[in-house]
Every structure is written in C-alpha cells, then in structure tokens.
Amino acid sequence: MFTGIAKEVGEIKEIRQKGDGITLTVKADEVLKDLNIGDSIMTDGVCLTVVSFSDGYFRADMMRESLRSTKFDQVKKGAVVNLERALRFSDRLDGHLVQGHVDGLGRIIAINKNVFRISASEDILKYVVRKGSVCLDGISLTVSFENTSYFEVSLIPETLANTNFKYKKVNDLVNIETDIIMRALEKLSKREERLDKNFLLSRGF
C-alpha cells in the first residue's frame, strides 16, 4: 500500500528487454534509504518490486500485463517519474490508500495554470466523483470537477513543484488508479443485501 505522496522525482536511465517484459533502471536517491531487494517502490503509479539496487539507482522488472495496462508500454529513456516507498503501518496517511495497481490510462486534454483536465474511459470515470480521491501517475489528488467524458484536478504549488506534473503537457498520458473504496462499494451494492450503515460496519468499513 502507498499514500500517493511522492517522496522524490526519479529518472528512467535504462530500459532492457527481458522476455516479454522489460527491466527498468531508475535513478533515485531518497527512496533508496534502508532499501532491500524485494521492497516495493511505486513508480508513476505502478507498484514495482526492486530486483537490485546500488548508489543512485534501483532496478525492477515489468511484465507484459503491466506494460499493456499502463503508459510504461511507451516509456522512453530519460522519462521523469514520481517515486514513493511502500507505506508503513506506523506512517501518517497524508494522501489516500493507493495500491499501485493501475486501472487504466487517461490523457491530459487541457491545462489551465494548476488545473489539469483528464479524459478517460467510461470504466474509469464511473469511479471518479467530485471531491473524491484519484491517483494520477502515483500522486493522490482530489477531483475538483467531473462529467461523463473527463474530470479535473487542481494541484497545489507544493505538488506541482515536487512531482513530474510540472513537466506535463497537453496530450500526455497518465496512469490512473481509482479509489479502492469506490470499487468495493460498487461490488457490495450489486448484492441483494441492503447497503446501510450496519452492513458496511459489519464488513470493516
């Protein structure tokens, strides 16, 4: 689990084919502290498992399924990525619960200063609600507007300054992970049981 609060911005230094997937070498600093092989690092919204590391970089494998469902299928050397280590149970949850499992892609269709307009498929948009949470390229953001074809997020100066959103342009793709609570509620609501306070409490909500 992650929070969607990036610890630093890294850079893709090398991309190697490995079977039907790839091995990424990512330049990093902050996320390498106390790192172990097998640890998870969320990289632009994708949970990656560290297979090796040294001073200034880590390596991780991506399988075909991950490439197919994320923008990493088109990633190029030099790409700037948001990085976050996995959440400790003792940590503050400053963003929202993020799994690092991308639901699909969105496309930036407009940028107005700090407001980004994102188009996405109906399968994504049905889980996006105004004032709810959404994760874009690994960043926890609050939806400021939504309709049937796009949604908008407004980034505070701190987020713009410390993530790769300061480099984003119209037509750029973003990895989207919708709120897991929204998905869980949808599944529960499809059942015949009455969806009320007692029902949710009995299931840990």
N, C-alpha and C. Protein backbone atom coordinates (compact mmCIF):
# COMPACT_ATOMS: atom_id res chain seq x y z
N MET A 1 0.83 -1.20 0.00
CA MET A 1 0.00 0.00 0.00
C MET A 1 0.87 1.26 0.00
N PHE A 2 0.32 2.31 -0.59
CA PHE A 2 1.01 3.59 -0.67
C PHE A 2 0.02 4.70 -0.29
N THR A 3 0.53 5.94 -0.23
CA THR A 3 -0.33 7.07 0.12
C THR A 3 -0.58 8.01 -1.05
N GLY A 4 0.21 7.89 -2.12
CA GLY A 4 0.07 8.82 -3.24
C GLY A 4 0.80 10.13 -3.00
N ILE A 5 1.71 10.15 -2.02
CA ILE A 5 2.53 11.34 -1.76
C ILE A 5 3.96 11.02 -2.20
N ALA A 6 4.39 11.57 -3.32
CA ALA A 6 5.71 11.26 -3.87
C ALA A 6 6.82 11.72 -2.94
N LYS A 7 7.84 10.89 -2.78
CA LYS A 7 8.99 11.24 -1.96
C LYS A 7 10.07 11.93 -2.78
N GLU A 8 10.08 11.65 -4.08
CA GLU A 8 11.04 12.31 -4.96
C GLU A 8 10.66 12.04 -6.41
N VAL A 9 11.32 12.74 -7.31
CA VAL A 9 11.17 12.53 -8.74
C VAL A 9 12.43 11.85 -9.24
N GLY A 10 12.26 10.69 -9.89
CA GLY A 10 13.39 9.96 -10.43
C GLY A 10 13.43 10.04 -11.95
N GLU A 11 14.35 9.30 -12.54
CA GLU A 11 14.51 9.33 -14.00
C GLU A 11 14.81 7.92 -14.52
N ILE A 12 14.16 7.54 -15.61
CA ILE A 12 14.44 6.26 -16.25
C ILE A 12 15.79 6.35 -16.97
N LYS A 13 16.76 5.57 -16.48
CA LYS A 13 18.11 5.64 -17.04
C LYS A 13 18.37 4.55 -18.08
N GLU A 14 17.64 3.43 -17.97
CA GLU A 14 17.87 2.33 -18.91
C GLU A 14 16.62 1.47 -19.00
N ILE A 15 16.36 0.96 -20.21
CA ILE A 15 15.24 0.05 -20.45
C ILE A 15 15.78 -1.15 -21.21
N ARG A 16 15.67 -2.33 -20.62
CA ARG A 16 16.16 -3.55 -21.26
C ARG A 16 15.02 -4.53 -21.47
N GLN A 17 14.98 -5.15 -22.62
CA GLN A 17 14.00 -6.21 -22.85
C GLN A 17 14.37 -7.42 -22.00
N LYS A 18 13.34 -8.04 -21.42
CA LYS A 18 13.54 -9.25 -20.62
C LYS A 18 12.36 -10.17 -20.89
N GLY A 19 12.56 -11.14 -21.76
CA GLY A 19 11.45 -11.99 -22.18
C GLY A 19 10.40 -11.15 -22.87
N ASP A 20 9.14 -11.27 -22.41
CA ASP A 20 8.09 -10.43 -22.98
C ASP A 20 7.85 -9.17 -22.15
N GLY A 21 8.78 -8.89 -21.22
CA GLY A 21 8.68 -7.69 -20.40
C GLY A 21 9.94 -6.84 -20.53
N ILE A 22 10.15 -6.00 -19.52
CA ILE A 22 11.34 -5.14 -19.52
C ILE A 22 11.92 -5.05 -18.11
N THR A 23 13.18 -4.66 -18.05
CA THR A 23 13.81 -4.27 -16.79
C THR A 23 14.12 -2.79 -16.84
N LEU A 24 13.63 -2.07 -15.85
CA LEU A 24 13.86 -0.63 -15.76
C LEU A 24 14.97 -0.33 -14.77
N THR A 25 15.85 0.57 -15.14
CA THR A 25 16.82 1.13 -14.20
C THR A 25 16.40 2.57 -13.94
N VAL A 26 16.16 2.88 -12.67
CA VAL A 26 15.61 4.19 -12.30
C VAL A 26 16.59 4.93 -11.39
N LYS A 27 16.99 6.11 -11.82
CA LYS A 27 17.83 6.97 -10.99
C LYS A 27 17.00 7.48 -9.81
N ALA A 28 17.55 7.36 -8.61
CA ALA A 28 16.81 7.76 -7.41
C ALA A 28 17.80 8.07 -6.30
N ASP A 29 17.27 8.61 -5.20
CA ASP A 29 18.11 8.93 -4.05
C ASP A 29 17.34 8.65 -2.76
N GLU A 30 16.30 9.44 -2.51
CA GLU A 30 15.56 9.36 -1.25
C GLU A 30 14.95 7.97 -1.01
N VAL A 31 14.37 7.37 -2.05
CA VAL A 31 13.68 6.09 -1.87
C VAL A 31 14.65 4.92 -1.68
N LEU A 32 15.96 5.16 -1.84
CA LEU A 32 16.94 4.09 -1.68
C LEU A 32 17.35 3.87 -0.23
N LYS A 33 16.99 4.79 0.65
CA LYS A 33 17.40 4.69 2.05
C LYS A 33 16.73 3.48 2.71
N ASP A 34 17.55 2.64 3.34
CA ASP A 34 17.07 1.42 4.03
C ASP A 34 16.36 0.47 3.06
N LEU A 35 16.68 0.53 1.79
CA LEU A 35 16.03 -0.31 0.79
C LEU A 35 16.58 -1.73 0.84
N ASN A 36 15.71 -2.69 0.56
CA ASN A 36 16.11 -4.09 0.45
C ASN A 36 15.57 -4.67 -0.85
N ILE A 37 16.26 -5.68 -1.38
CA ILE A 37 15.73 -6.38 -2.55
C ILE A 37 14.39 -7.00 -2.18
N GLY A 38 13.42 -6.85 -3.06
CA GLY A 38 12.07 -7.33 -2.79
C GLY A 38 11.13 -6.27 -2.27
N ASP A 39 11.68 -5.10 -1.88
CA ASP A 39 10.82 -4.00 -1.45
C ASP A 39 10.06 -3.43 -2.64
N SER A 40 8.97 -2.73 -2.32
CA SER A 40 8.13 -2.12 -3.36
C SER A 40 8.38 -0.62 -3.45
N ILE A 41 8.47 -0.14 -4.67
CA ILE A 41 8.54 1.31 -4.93
C ILE A 41 7.49 1.64 -5.98
N MET A 42 6.58 2.55 -5.65
CA MET A 42 5.59 2.97 -6.64
C MET A 42 6.26 3.96 -7.59
N THR A 43 6.20 3.63 -8.86
CA THR A 43 6.88 4.39 -9.90
C THR A 43 5.84 4.88 -10.89
N ASP A 44 5.54 6.18 -10.82
CA ASP A 44 4.48 6.77 -11.64
C ASP A 44 3.17 5.99 -11.53
N GLY A 45 2.87 5.56 -10.31
CA GLY A 45 1.59 4.90 -10.05
C GLY A 45 1.60 3.40 -10.15
N VAL A 46 2.75 2.81 -10.52
CA VAL A 46 2.84 1.36 -10.68
C VAL A 46 3.72 0.78 -9.57
N CYS A 47 3.19 -0.20 -8.86
CA CYS A 47 3.94 -0.87 -7.80
C CYS A 47 4.98 -1.79 -8.43
N LEU A 48 6.26 -1.47 -8.23
CA LEU A 48 7.35 -2.28 -8.77
C LEU A 48 8.15 -2.92 -7.63
N THR A 49 8.62 -4.13 -7.87
CA THR A 49 9.44 -4.84 -6.90
C THR A 49 10.91 -4.68 -7.26
N VAL A 50 11.70 -4.23 -6.29
CA VAL A 50 13.12 -3.99 -6.52
C VAL A 50 13.85 -5.32 -6.66
N VAL A 51 14.57 -5.50 -7.78
CA VAL A 51 15.33 -6.73 -8.00
C VAL A 51 16.83 -6.51 -7.76
N SER A 52 17.28 -5.26 -7.83
CA SER A 52 18.66 -4.92 -7.48
C SER A 52 18.74 -3.41 -7.31
N PHE A 53 19.78 -2.97 -6.62
CA PHE A 53 19.98 -1.52 -6.44
C PHE A 53 21.43 -1.27 -6.04
N SER A 54 21.83 -0.02 -6.21
CA SER A 54 23.15 0.43 -5.78
C SER A 54 23.04 1.93 -5.53
N ASP A 55 24.15 2.58 -5.29
CA ASP A 55 24.11 4.02 -5.06
C ASP A 55 23.56 4.73 -6.29
N GLY A 56 22.45 5.40 -6.12
CA GLY A 56 21.93 6.24 -7.19
C GLY A 56 20.92 5.61 -8.11
N TYR A 57 20.58 4.31 -7.91
CA TYR A 57 19.59 3.72 -8.81
C TYR A 57 18.99 2.45 -8.20
N PHE A 58 17.85 2.03 -8.75
CA PHE A 58 17.31 0.69 -8.48
C PHE A 58 16.81 0.10 -9.79
N ARG A 59 16.68 -1.21 -9.81
CA ARG A 59 16.16 -1.91 -10.98
C ARG A 59 14.91 -2.69 -10.59
N ALA A 60 13.98 -2.77 -11.55
CA ALA A 60 12.74 -3.50 -11.33
C ALA A 60 12.25 -4.06 -12.66
N ASP A 61 11.61 -5.21 -12.60
CA ASP A 61 11.05 -5.84 -13.79
C ASP A 61 9.58 -5.47 -13.97
N MET A 62 9.17 -5.36 -15.22
CA MET A 62 7.76 -5.16 -15.54
C MET A 62 7.34 -6.23 -16.54
N MET A 63 6.26 -6.95 -16.20
CA MET A 63 5.76 -8.00 -17.07
C MET A 63 4.84 -7.41 -18.15
N ARG A 64 4.51 -8.22 -19.15
CA ARG A 64 3.70 -7.79 -20.28
C ARG A 64 2.36 -7.22 -19.84
N GLU A 65 1.72 -7.84 -18.85
CA GLU A 65 0.41 -7.36 -18.40
C GLU A 65 0.50 -5.95 -17.85
N SER A 66 1.55 -5.67 -17.07
CA SER A 66 1.73 -4.32 -16.52
C SER A 66 2.01 -3.31 -17.63
N LEU A 67 2.80 -3.72 -18.60
CA LEU A 67 3.08 -2.82 -19.72
C LEU A 67 1.80 -2.52 -20.51
N ARG A 68 0.99 -3.55 -20.72
CA ARG A 68 -0.21 -3.40 -21.53
C ARG A 68 -1.20 -2.41 -20.91
N SER A 69 -1.29 -2.40 -19.59
CA SER A 69 -2.32 -1.61 -18.91
C SER A 69 -1.82 -0.26 -18.40
N THR A 70 -0.56 0.07 -18.68
CA THR A 70 -0.01 1.35 -18.21
C THR A 70 0.71 2.06 -19.35
N LYS A 71 1.10 3.29 -19.07
CA LYS A 71 1.82 4.05 -20.09
C LYS A 71 3.27 3.61 -20.23
N PHE A 72 3.74 2.66 -19.39
CA PHE A 72 5.11 2.17 -19.50
C PHE A 72 5.34 1.39 -20.78
N ASP A 73 4.26 1.04 -21.47
CA ASP A 73 4.40 0.40 -22.77
C ASP A 73 5.06 1.34 -23.77
N GLN A 74 5.00 2.65 -23.47
CA GLN A 74 5.57 3.65 -24.37
C GLN A 74 6.71 4.45 -23.72
N VAL A 75 7.17 3.98 -22.56
CA VAL A 75 8.15 4.75 -21.81
C VAL A 75 9.48 4.82 -22.57
N LYS A 76 10.17 5.95 -22.40
CA LYS A 76 11.46 6.15 -23.06
C LYS A 76 12.52 6.52 -22.03
N LYS A 77 13.74 6.22 -22.36
CA LYS A 77 14.87 6.62 -21.52
C LYS A 77 14.83 8.13 -21.30
N GLY A 78 15.05 8.54 -20.06
CA GLY A 78 15.02 9.96 -19.72
C GLY A 78 13.70 10.42 -19.15
N ALA A 79 12.68 9.56 -19.19
CA ALA A 79 11.37 9.93 -18.63
C ALA A 79 11.49 10.19 -17.13
N VAL A 80 10.79 11.21 -16.68
CA VAL A 80 10.80 11.59 -15.27
C VAL A 80 9.60 10.95 -14.58
N VAL A 81 9.84 10.30 -13.43
CA VAL A 81 8.79 9.53 -12.77
C VAL A 81 8.68 9.89 -11.29
N ASN A 82 7.46 9.83 -10.77
CA ASN A 82 7.22 10.04 -9.34
C ASN A 82 7.51 8.75 -8.59
N LEU A 83 8.19 8.86 -7.44
CA LEU A 83 8.59 7.68 -6.67
C LEU A 83 8.09 7.77 -5.24
N GLU A 84 7.62 6.61 -4.73
CA GLU A 84 7.18 6.52 -3.33
C GLU A 84 7.46 5.13 -2.80
N ARG A 85 8.03 5.05 -1.60
CA ARG A 85 8.19 3.77 -0.92
C ARG A 85 6.86 3.29 -0.36
N ALA A 86 6.78 1.98 -0.10
CA ALA A 86 5.55 1.41 0.46
C ALA A 86 5.27 1.97 1.84
N LEU A 87 3.99 2.03 2.17
CA LEU A 87 3.51 2.60 3.43
C LEU A 87 3.83 1.68 4.60
N ARG A 88 4.37 2.24 5.67
CA ARG A 88 4.47 1.51 6.93
C ARG A 88 3.17 1.71 7.71
N PHE A 89 2.78 0.72 8.52
CA PHE A 89 1.55 0.86 9.29
C PHE A 89 1.64 1.98 10.32
N SER A 90 2.87 2.39 10.66
CA SER A 90 3.05 3.46 11.64
C SER A 90 3.05 4.84 10.99
N ASP A 91 3.02 4.89 9.63
CA ASP A 91 3.10 6.17 8.93
C ASP A 91 1.77 6.92 8.97
N ARG A 92 1.87 8.24 8.83
CA ARG A 92 0.66 9.04 8.64
C ARG A 92 0.14 8.80 7.22
N LEU A 93 -1.18 8.77 7.08
CA LEU A 93 -1.80 8.60 5.76
C LEU A 93 -2.18 9.99 5.25
N ASP A 94 -1.22 10.67 4.62
CA ASP A 94 -1.45 12.04 4.18
C ASP A 94 -2.22 12.13 2.88
N GLY A 95 -2.22 11.08 2.06
CA GLY A 95 -2.97 11.09 0.82
C GLY A 95 -4.22 10.24 0.96
N HIS A 96 -4.28 9.13 0.21
CA HIS A 96 -5.34 8.14 0.41
C HIS A 96 -4.75 6.77 0.12
N LEU A 97 -5.46 5.72 0.45
CA LEU A 97 -4.93 4.37 0.24
C LEU A 97 -4.79 4.08 -1.25
N VAL A 98 -3.56 3.80 -1.66
CA VAL A 98 -3.24 3.55 -3.06
C VAL A 98 -2.55 2.19 -3.15
N GLN A 99 -2.95 1.35 -4.09
CA GLN A 99 -2.38 0.02 -4.22
C GLN A 99 -1.19 -0.04 -5.17
N GLY A 100 -1.12 0.89 -6.11
CA GLY A 100 -0.09 0.79 -7.14
C GLY A 100 -0.51 -0.14 -8.26
N HIS A 101 -1.82 -0.40 -8.36
CA HIS A 101 -2.38 -1.24 -9.43
C HIS A 101 -3.19 -0.35 -10.36
N VAL A 102 -2.64 -0.04 -11.50
CA VAL A 102 -3.25 0.92 -12.42
C VAL A 102 -4.51 0.35 -13.04
N ASP A 103 -5.59 1.13 -13.04
CA ASP A 103 -6.87 0.71 -13.64
C ASP A 103 -6.91 0.99 -15.14
N GLY A 104 -6.18 2.00 -15.57
CA GLY A 104 -6.20 2.36 -16.98
C GLY A 104 -5.49 3.67 -17.22
N LEU A 105 -5.58 4.15 -18.45
CA LEU A 105 -4.89 5.37 -18.85
C LEU A 105 -5.85 6.53 -19.02
N GLY A 106 -5.35 7.71 -18.74
CA GLY A 106 -6.06 8.94 -19.07
C GLY A 106 -5.17 9.80 -19.94
N ARG A 107 -5.75 10.83 -20.52
CA ARG A 107 -4.98 11.75 -21.36
C ARG A 107 -5.26 13.18 -20.93
N ILE A 108 -4.21 13.97 -20.78
CA ILE A 108 -4.38 15.38 -20.44
C ILE A 108 -4.90 16.12 -21.66
N ILE A 109 -6.09 16.71 -21.54
CA ILE A 109 -6.67 17.41 -22.70
C ILE A 109 -6.66 18.92 -22.53
N ALA A 110 -6.34 19.41 -21.34
CA ALA A 110 -6.22 20.85 -21.13
C ALA A 110 -5.47 21.11 -19.83
N ILE A 111 -4.70 22.19 -19.82
CA ILE A 111 -4.00 22.63 -18.61
C ILE A 111 -4.23 24.13 -18.49
N ASN A 112 -4.78 24.53 -17.36
CA ASN A 112 -5.02 25.95 -17.08
C ASN A 112 -4.34 26.29 -15.76
N LYS A 113 -3.09 26.75 -15.84
CA LYS A 113 -2.27 27.01 -14.67
C LYS A 113 -2.11 25.75 -13.84
N ASN A 114 -2.83 25.63 -12.73
CA ASN A 114 -2.67 24.46 -11.86
C ASN A 114 -3.80 23.46 -12.02
N VAL A 115 -4.70 23.68 -12.98
CA VAL A 115 -5.84 22.79 -13.20
C VAL A 115 -5.58 21.90 -14.42
N PHE A 116 -5.66 20.59 -14.21
CA PHE A 116 -5.42 19.62 -15.28
C PHE A 116 -6.73 18.90 -15.61
N ARG A 117 -7.11 18.89 -16.89
CA ARG A 117 -8.32 18.21 -17.34
C ARG A 117 -7.90 16.88 -17.98
N ILE A 118 -8.50 15.81 -17.50
CA ILE A 118 -8.11 14.46 -17.90
C ILE A 118 -9.29 13.74 -18.55
N SER A 119 -9.11 13.26 -19.77
CA SER A 119 -10.13 12.42 -20.39
C SER A 119 -9.81 10.97 -20.05
N ALA A 120 -10.86 10.16 -19.93
CA ALA A 120 -10.68 8.75 -19.59
C ALA A 120 -11.89 7.96 -20.06
N SER A 121 -11.76 6.64 -20.03
CA SER A 121 -12.85 5.79 -20.47
C SER A 121 -14.00 5.79 -19.45
N GLU A 122 -15.15 5.32 -19.90
CA GLU A 122 -16.31 5.23 -19.01
C GLU A 122 -16.03 4.30 -17.84
N ASP A 123 -15.25 3.24 -18.06
CA ASP A 123 -14.92 2.31 -16.99
C ASP A 123 -14.13 2.98 -15.87
N ILE A 124 -13.35 3.99 -16.21
CA ILE A 124 -12.61 4.75 -15.21
C ILE A 124 -13.50 5.82 -14.58
N LEU A 125 -14.18 6.56 -15.42
CA LEU A 125 -14.93 7.73 -14.96
C LEU A 125 -16.07 7.38 -14.00
N LYS A 126 -16.58 6.18 -14.07
CA LYS A 126 -17.70 5.82 -13.18
C LYS A 126 -17.26 5.77 -11.71
N TYR A 127 -15.94 5.68 -11.48
CA TYR A 127 -15.43 5.66 -10.11
C TYR A 127 -14.89 7.02 -9.67
N VAL A 128 -14.96 8.00 -10.53
CA VAL A 128 -14.42 9.34 -10.24
C VAL A 128 -15.55 10.25 -9.81
N VAL A 129 -15.46 10.79 -8.60
CA VAL A 129 -16.52 11.66 -8.08
C VAL A 129 -15.92 12.97 -7.58
N ARG A 130 -16.68 14.02 -7.73
CA ARG A 130 -16.22 15.34 -7.27
C ARG A 130 -15.92 15.31 -5.77
N LYS A 131 -14.78 15.85 -5.41
CA LYS A 131 -14.25 15.89 -4.05
C LYS A 131 -13.76 14.53 -3.56
N GLY A 132 -13.80 13.52 -4.44
CA GLY A 132 -13.23 12.22 -4.11
C GLY A 132 -11.76 12.17 -4.49
N SER A 133 -11.13 11.04 -4.20
CA SER A 133 -9.70 10.86 -4.46
C SER A 133 -9.47 10.09 -5.76
N VAL A 134 -8.38 10.44 -6.42
CA VAL A 134 -7.93 9.69 -7.59
C VAL A 134 -6.41 9.76 -7.59
N CYS A 135 -5.77 8.70 -8.11
CA CYS A 135 -4.31 8.67 -8.16
C CYS A 135 -3.86 8.77 -9.61
N LEU A 136 -3.09 9.81 -9.92
CA LEU A 136 -2.57 10.04 -11.28
C LEU A 136 -1.05 9.98 -11.24
N ASP A 137 -0.48 9.04 -12.00
CA ASP A 137 0.97 8.85 -12.01
C ASP A 137 1.53 8.75 -10.58
N GLY A 138 0.76 8.08 -9.72
CA GLY A 138 1.21 7.84 -8.36
C GLY A 138 0.97 8.97 -7.39
N ILE A 139 0.26 10.01 -7.81
CA ILE A 139 0.01 11.17 -6.96
C ILE A 139 -1.45 11.19 -6.52
N SER A 140 -1.67 11.27 -5.21
CA SER A 140 -3.02 11.36 -4.66
C SER A 140 -3.56 12.77 -4.88
N LEU A 141 -4.68 12.86 -5.61
CA LEU A 141 -5.28 14.15 -5.93
C LEU A 141 -6.77 14.13 -5.66
N THR A 142 -7.32 15.32 -5.46
CA THR A 142 -8.76 15.47 -5.22
C THR A 142 -9.43 15.95 -6.49
N VAL A 143 -10.52 15.29 -6.86
CA VAL A 143 -11.26 15.65 -8.06
C VAL A 143 -12.02 16.95 -7.81
N SER A 144 -11.80 17.95 -8.66
CA SER A 144 -12.49 19.24 -8.49
C SER A 144 -13.70 19.37 -9.41
N PHE A 145 -13.75 18.53 -10.46
CA PHE A 145 -14.89 18.55 -11.39
C PHE A 145 -14.91 17.23 -12.14
N GLU A 146 -16.10 16.75 -12.47
CA GLU A 146 -16.20 15.55 -13.29
C GLU A 146 -17.50 15.55 -14.07
N ASN A 147 -17.46 14.93 -15.27
CA ASN A 147 -18.66 14.69 -16.05
C ASN A 147 -18.50 13.36 -16.77
N THR A 148 -19.25 13.12 -17.80
CA THR A 148 -19.25 11.80 -18.44
C THR A 148 -18.08 11.58 -19.40
N SER A 149 -17.26 12.59 -19.63
CA SER A 149 -16.15 12.41 -20.58
C SER A 149 -14.78 12.80 -20.02
N TYR A 150 -14.75 13.57 -18.94
CA TYR A 150 -13.47 13.97 -18.37
C TYR A 150 -13.65 14.40 -16.92
N PHE A 151 -12.51 14.58 -16.25
CA PHE A 151 -12.53 15.14 -14.90
C PHE A 151 -11.36 16.11 -14.76
N GLU A 152 -11.39 16.89 -13.70
CA GLU A 152 -10.33 17.86 -13.46
C GLU A 152 -9.77 17.70 -12.05
N VAL A 153 -8.47 17.98 -11.93
CA VAL A 153 -7.82 18.03 -10.63
C VAL A 153 -7.05 19.34 -10.54
N SER A 154 -7.01 19.90 -9.34
CA SER A 154 -6.30 21.15 -9.11
C SER A 154 -5.12 20.86 -8.19
N LEU A 155 -3.92 21.18 -8.65
CA LEU A 155 -2.72 20.88 -7.89
C LEU A 155 -2.24 22.10 -7.11
N ILE A 156 -1.93 21.91 -5.84
CA ILE A 156 -1.37 22.99 -5.06
C ILE A 156 0.08 23.22 -5.50
N PRO A 157 0.66 24.40 -5.25
CA PRO A 157 2.04 24.68 -5.68
C PRO A 157 3.05 23.65 -5.18
N GLU A 158 2.87 23.15 -3.96
CA GLU A 158 3.78 22.15 -3.41
C GLU A 158 3.82 20.89 -4.27
N THR A 159 2.64 20.43 -4.71
CA THR A 159 2.57 19.22 -5.53
C THR A 159 3.18 19.47 -6.91
N LEU A 160 2.89 20.62 -7.50
CA LEU A 160 3.48 20.95 -8.80
C LEU A 160 5.01 21.00 -8.72
N ALA A 161 5.53 21.58 -7.64
CA ALA A 161 6.97 21.77 -7.53
C ALA A 161 7.72 20.47 -7.28
N ASN A 162 7.07 19.49 -6.66
CA ASN A 162 7.78 18.30 -6.20
C ASN A 162 7.38 17.00 -6.92
N THR A 163 6.66 17.12 -8.03
CA THR A 163 6.29 15.95 -8.83
C THR A 163 6.56 16.23 -10.30
N ASN A 164 6.38 15.20 -11.14
CA ASN A 164 6.62 15.41 -12.56
C ASN A 164 5.48 16.15 -13.26
N PHE A 165 4.45 16.56 -12.51
CA PHE A 165 3.37 17.32 -13.13
C PHE A 165 3.85 18.68 -13.63
N LYS A 166 4.94 19.16 -13.12
CA LYS A 166 5.46 20.45 -13.62
C LYS A 166 5.96 20.33 -15.05
N TYR A 167 6.17 19.09 -15.53
CA TYR A 167 6.62 18.87 -16.90
C TYR A 167 5.49 18.42 -17.84
N LYS A 168 4.30 18.21 -17.31
CA LYS A 168 3.22 17.66 -18.12
C LYS A 168 2.78 18.63 -19.21
N LYS A 169 2.34 18.03 -20.35
CA LYS A 169 1.84 18.80 -21.47
C LYS A 169 0.52 18.20 -21.94
N VAL A 170 -0.24 19.00 -22.68
CA VAL A 170 -1.48 18.50 -23.28
C VAL A 170 -1.14 17.32 -24.18
N ASN A 171 -1.96 16.29 -24.11
CA ASN A 171 -1.83 15.01 -24.84
C ASN A 171 -0.95 13.99 -24.13
N ASP A 172 -0.30 14.36 -23.03
CA ASP A 172 0.45 13.38 -22.26
C ASP A 172 -0.49 12.36 -21.64
N LEU A 173 -0.04 11.11 -21.56
CA LEU A 173 -0.81 10.06 -20.90
C LEU A 173 -0.47 10.03 -19.41
N VAL A 174 -1.44 9.61 -18.60
CA VAL A 174 -1.23 9.43 -17.17
C VAL A 174 -1.80 8.08 -16.74
N ASN A 175 -1.11 7.42 -15.82
CA ASN A 175 -1.64 6.21 -15.21
C ASN A 175 -2.69 6.59 -14.17
N ILE A 176 -3.84 5.92 -14.22
CA ILE A 176 -4.93 6.23 -13.29
C ILE A 176 -5.23 5.02 -12.42
N GLU A 177 -5.26 5.26 -11.11
CA GLU A 177 -5.81 4.27 -10.17
C GLU A 177 -6.97 4.93 -9.44
N THR A 178 -8.15 4.36 -9.58
CA THR A 178 -9.33 4.91 -8.91
C THR A 178 -9.35 4.46 -7.45
N ASP A 179 -10.22 5.08 -6.68
CA ASP A 179 -10.30 4.82 -5.24
C ASP A 179 -10.82 3.41 -4.98
N ILE A 180 -10.05 2.61 -4.25
CA ILE A 180 -10.44 1.23 -3.98
C ILE A 180 -11.75 1.16 -3.19
N ILE A 181 -12.02 2.17 -2.36
CA ILE A 181 -13.26 2.17 -1.59
C ILE A 181 -14.46 2.30 -2.52
N MET A 182 -14.33 3.12 -3.57
CA MET A 182 -15.42 3.24 -4.54
C MET A 182 -15.68 1.91 -5.23
N ARG A 183 -14.62 1.20 -5.57
CA ARG A 183 -14.79 -0.08 -6.26
C ARG A 183 -15.41 -1.13 -5.34
N ALA A 184 -14.99 -1.11 -4.08
CA ALA A 184 -15.55 -2.07 -3.12
C ALA A 184 -17.03 -1.79 -2.87
N LEU A 185 -17.39 -0.52 -2.75
CA LEU A 185 -18.80 -0.17 -2.54
C LEU A 185 -19.66 -0.57 -3.71
N GLU A 186 -19.12 -0.42 -4.93
CA GLU A 186 -19.89 -0.82 -6.10
C GLU A 186 -20.18 -2.32 -6.06
N LYS A 187 -19.18 -3.10 -5.72
CA LYS A 187 -19.38 -4.55 -5.66
C LYS A 187 -20.40 -4.93 -4.59
N LEU A 188 -20.29 -4.28 -3.45
CA LEU A 188 -21.24 -4.57 -2.37
C LEU A 188 -22.65 -4.17 -2.75
N SER A 189 -22.79 -3.05 -3.45
CA SER A 189 -24.12 -2.55 -3.79
C SER A 189 -24.83 -3.43 -4.81
N LYS A 190 -24.07 -4.28 -5.53
CA LYS A 190 -24.68 -5.16 -6.51
C LYS A 190 -25.32 -6.39 -5.87
N ARG A 191 -25.01 -6.60 -4.61
CA ARG A 191 -25.60 -7.72 -3.91
C ARG A 191 -27.02 -7.38 -3.47
N GLU A 192 -27.73 -8.40 -3.08
CA GLU A 192 -29.13 -8.21 -2.72
C GLU A 192 -29.30 -7.61 -1.33
N GLU A 193 -28.25 -7.74 -0.47
CA GLU A 193 -28.39 -7.21 0.88
C GLU A 193 -28.55 -5.69 0.85
N ARG A 194 -29.20 -5.20 1.84
CA ARG A 194 -29.41 -3.76 1.96
C ARG A 194 -28.10 -3.08 2.31
N LEU A 195 -27.72 -2.06 1.55
CA LEU A 195 -26.47 -1.34 1.78
C LEU A 195 -26.76 -0.18 2.72
N ASP A 196 -26.54 -0.42 4.01
CA ASP A 196 -26.76 0.63 5.00
C ASP A 196 -25.57 0.67 5.96
N LYS A 197 -25.67 1.49 6.99
CA LYS A 197 -24.56 1.68 7.92
C LYS A 197 -24.15 0.37 8.58
N ASN A 198 -25.11 -0.41 9.04
CA ASN A 198 -24.80 -1.67 9.71
C ASN A 198 -24.13 -2.66 8.77
N PHE A 199 -24.57 -2.67 7.50
CA PHE A 199 -23.97 -3.57 6.50
C PHE A 199 -22.50 -3.22 6.31
N LEU A 200 -22.20 -1.92 6.18
CA LEU A 200 -20.82 -1.50 5.96
C LEU A 200 -19.96 -1.75 7.18
N LEU A 201 -20.49 -1.48 8.38
CA LEU A 201 -19.73 -1.70 9.61
C LEU A 201 -19.38 -3.17 9.80
N SER A 202 -20.32 -4.03 9.43
CA SER A 202 -20.09 -5.47 9.60
C SER A 202 -19.01 -6.00 8.67
N ARG A 203 -18.68 -5.22 7.63
CA ARG A 203 -17.67 -5.63 6.66
C ARG A 203 -16.41 -4.77 6.73
N GLY A 204 -16.25 -4.07 7.85
CA GLY A 204 -15.00 -3.38 8.12
C GLY A 204 -14.89 -1.97 7.61
N PHE A 205 -15.98 -1.40 7.06
CA PHE A 205 -15.91 -0.02 6.57
C PHE A 205 -16.21 0.96 7.70
